[in-house]
C-alpha atoms as a PDB file:
ATOM      1  CA  MET A   1     142.567 134.955  78.117  1.00  0.00           C
ATOM      2  CA  LYS A   2     144.638 138.366  79.023  1.00  0.00           C
ATOM      3  CA  VAL A   3     142.154 138.612  81.846  1.00  0.00           C
ATOM      4  CA  PHE A   4     142.929 135.106  83.174  1.00  0.00           C
ATOM      5  CA  LYS A   5     146.397 135.544  82.971  1.00  0.00           C
ATOM      6  CA  SER A   6     146.706 138.731  84.911  1.00  0.00           C
ATOM      7  CA  ILE A   7     144.379 137.188  87.657  1.00  0.00           C
ATOM      8  CA  ASN A   8     146.994 134.169  87.572  1.00  0.00           C
ATOM      9  CA  GLN A   9     150.033 136.711  88.137  1.00  0.00           C
ATOM     10  CA  PHE A  10     148.014 138.265  90.799  1.00  0.00           C
ATOM     11  CA  LEU A  11     147.285 135.235  92.664  1.00  0.00           C
ATOM     12  CA  ILE A  12     150.807 134.131  92.428  1.00  0.00           C
ATOM     13  CA  LYS A  13     152.308 137.630  93.760  1.00  0.00           C
ATOM     14  CA  TYR A  14     149.909 137.990  96.676  1.00  0.00           C
ATOM     15  CA  GLU A  15     149.300 134.463  97.374  1.00  0.00           C
ATOM     16  CA  PHE A  16     149.686 134.975 101.109  1.00  0.00           C
ATOM     17  CA  LEU A  17     147.436 137.759 101.252  1.00  0.00           C
ATOM     18  CA  VAL A  18     144.886 136.047  99.231  1.00  0.00           C
ATOM     19  CA  LEU A  19     144.869 132.870 101.238  1.00  0.00           C
ATOM     20  CA  MET A  20     144.622 134.848 104.524  1.00  0.00           C
ATOM     21  CA  THR A  21     141.856 137.054 103.320  1.00  0.00           C
ATOM     22  CA  ILE A  22     139.823 133.977 102.369  1.00  0.00           C
ATOM     23  CA  ALA A  23     140.616 132.279 105.973  1.00  0.00           C
ATOM     24  CA  ALA A  24     139.600 135.743 107.674  1.00  0.00           C
ATOM     25  CA  SER A  25     136.376 135.817 105.629  1.00  0.00           C
ATOM     26  CA  MET A  26     135.350 132.345 106.572  1.00  0.00           C
ATOM     27  CA  HIS A  27     136.013 133.044 110.326  1.00  0.00           C
ATOM     28  CA  LEU A  28     133.741 135.958 109.992  1.00  0.00           C
ATOM     29  CA  GLY A  29     131.239 133.988 108.055  1.00  0.00           C
ATOM     30  CA  GLU A  30     130.685 131.536 110.557  1.00  0.00           C
ATOM     31  CA  ARG A  31     130.274 134.263 113.305  1.00  0.00           C
ATOM     32  CA  ASN A  32     127.988 136.634 111.536  1.00  0.00           C
ATOM     33  CA  PHE A  33     125.829 134.055 109.451  1.00  0.00           C
ATOM     34  CA  GLY A  34     126.192 131.009 111.859  1.00  0.00           C
ATOM     35  CA  ILE A  35     127.446 128.502 108.865  1.00  0.00           C
ATOM     36  CA  GLU A  36     128.546 125.573 110.757  1.00  0.00           C
ATOM     37  CA  GLY A  37     132.157 124.404 109.393  1.00  0.00           C
ATOM     38  CA  LEU A  38     133.522 127.403 107.782  1.00  0.00           C
ATOM     39  CA  ALA A  39     135.716 128.406 110.873  1.00  0.00           C
ATOM     40  CA  ASN A  40     137.197 124.821 110.427  1.00  0.00           C
ATOM     41  CA  ILE A  41     137.733 125.505 106.445  1.00  0.00           C
ATOM     42  CA  GLY A  42     139.244 128.963 107.462  1.00  0.00           C
ATOM     43  CA  THR A  43     141.919 127.403 109.878  1.00  0.00           C
ATOM     44  CA  LEU A  44     142.886 125.080 107.133  1.00  0.00           C
ATOM     45  CA  PHE A  45     143.416 128.091 104.564  1.00  0.00           C
ATOM     46  CA  PHE A  46     145.435 129.756 107.353  1.00  0.00           C
ATOM     47  CA  LEU A  47     147.792 126.779 107.783  1.00  0.00           C
ATOM     48  CA  ILE A  48     148.424 126.580 103.903  1.00  0.00           C
ATOM     49  CA  ALA A  49     148.924 130.256 103.970  1.00  0.00           C
ATOM     50  CA  ILE A  50     151.434 130.227 106.695  1.00  0.00           C
ATOM     51  CA  VAL A  51     153.294 126.912 105.107  1.00  0.00           C
ATOM     52  CA  SER A  52     153.274 128.101 101.550  1.00  0.00           C
ATOM     53  CA  PHE A  53     154.847 131.516 102.997  1.00  0.00           C
ATOM     54  CA  PHE A  54     157.681 129.799 104.630  1.00  0.00           C
ATOM     55  CA  MET A  55     158.458 127.091 102.000  1.00  0.00           C
ATOM     56  CA  LYS A  56     158.042 129.787  99.159  1.00  0.00           C
ATOM     57  CA  LYS A  57     161.895 130.401  99.498  1.00  0.00           C
ATOM     58  CA  TYR A  58     162.832 126.778  99.522  1.00  0.00           C
ATOM     59  CA  ILE A  59     160.679 125.883  96.566  1.00  0.00           C
ATOM     60  CA  ASN A  60     162.116 128.477  94.399  1.00  0.00           C
ATOM     61  CA  LYS A  61     165.749 127.863  95.599  1.00  0.00           C
ATOM     62  CA  LYS A  62     168.104 127.338  92.610  1.00  0.00           C
ATOM     63  CA  GLU A  63     170.862 124.199  93.470  1.00  0.00           C
END
């Protein structure tokens, strides 16, 4: 369970970088391996990364 907790903390801390890495790897995967549709999913991950990055300060804001 300690491993899962550390993975979870890593994903929370570096959420933007993880999502951008997934998006870039999907774009490169479609280009190199020819798997149709990976770039579209990669674009979706890119948009999710951008929105979560800019909304993080509003979500964590104390009122």
